[in-house]
């Protein structure tokens, strides 16, 4: 029987990693390391274990690779593991021990909070290593990039270990009008670790699934409209969608330069903030956007805003219609009323029953102009990315469309189609009609969300799940999603705090204080997942 290409490449990478482990004389074990359990461990807890020699980066990578091997055949959160991950971990361990040996000091003051920490990278973010960057499609398999994406350069500079590539909704959910959320050709269907048959939401699915299921502590996602905050909510984790331009999009396959942003998906707000501190900043390869947003970055970074009393005095806006349209007395309705009480008890001022002007037009992608703009921008952005590759099976959006037509079974053309790709190919750049659409979105944002925030002197808007993603998307606004509860079947839902551009410090204070007050996240039991003893059985 023929082996699926995904399984073949994945098995090959795991064999390489296993050989490295055996050659080193170390065996993977799921038992705690000297009394330290990696499951649900935060970045700060892992760093403390590293400092106290209860754990090494190598052992940490081995443990995560073992979890990927056990869970990924079902959850499909990881497309590839990095065959050099253990080499990177060994380097981090050596650096840490060298500092202690040479100076007699703890390594904590010498390295970033991400030093030696494994990170999964969404598969539209380029890594200059043995990993592929394909947006989940076989069309880009084997393409060779010139250099790391800007955010990956920053992660490597901080000493992070690139563990592998996370799966996603193929082409960032921008392939057709009827996509299968969480599916991509290279890894198959991503599954929600809490309820396998339920939603994973938007495109950064693998990044959220893997973190939630403890296959890794830290991942990167990307968002155009909901693709970080939505999967974070549905998978019971934290997602930060930064202000557009705060993080570089260089070396990333994006949909819209106006809207796309790169952000962390983690289990805690503090972990996500550690990542944010590393990946923000100017990048000459994304100069205009990153230079404009650089003014928002606080001089001492974002960790200073992790305050347990961060809700004190914050003014939070509640837009009941259309976001809180739950049936009266429902589980979700009661959960959010309880959260409102918690926010008040912790010192926040809730400004209720607010309205956003022209909200129906904002939420309608056609009326706002968002869909038209994304179609035009995607073609330009993709063709620019493809033209810069060293080698590639495809060099243009037209080539991608042709590849799908020539590989209908691999790319599930009968089920999925590629209407959006075709519509994007038919666009002619940023013409007058597209410029009018952009101006319309700017007007809607200015007269809607911005006016509401300014006139009511709000620090953030509170919404359930990612229901306000379009409001935040068309204006390039930031947001943080935090676990808020579980439905009757166990499916998680999130609470989202969104603000004006550059308001990350306030959003971090609010979301961290809410998280510490509620402590809602609980890991998926995973009892319903059949664990195969080896990939050869698949």
Foldseek 3Di string as FASTA:
>chain_A
DDDQPLLVQAQVLVVLLVVVCVVVVHDQDQDQQQPHHLVVDFLVRVLVCLLVVSDALLNVLSPLSVLCFFFCVQQLFFRHWASCLNVLRVVLSVVQVVCCVVPVDHCPVVAASQASFEEAEALQFDAQGPAFRALQAPQFPPFHFDHGFLLVVLSVVRRHGHTHHTFWQRPQPQFFPDGDGQAGLRRGRGAQLQHRVDDQDTTSSSQQRCQLQVSHFKYKDKDQFQRFLQNLQQNFWKKKFAQQQQFDCGRGQDQASLFMGMFMIGRALLNRQSSSQRGGAADPSRHPSNVVQRVLADPVGQNVLLDLLLLAAAEEEEACPPFVPDPPPAPVNVLVVVLVVLSVVSHHHYDYNDFFPPVVQLVPCVSLLNLVLSLQRSQVSNLVSLCNIPDGSDRGLVSVLVVCVVVVVSGVCVPGNGVSSVSSVPDDHCDPVSVVSLVSLVVSLVRTVVVRCVVSVHLWYKGKRSSCRSSCRSNSWMKMWHWREAHPSGGTITMMTIDGHSSVSSRSNSRSNSCVSCVHGDRRPSPPPRTDPGSVVD
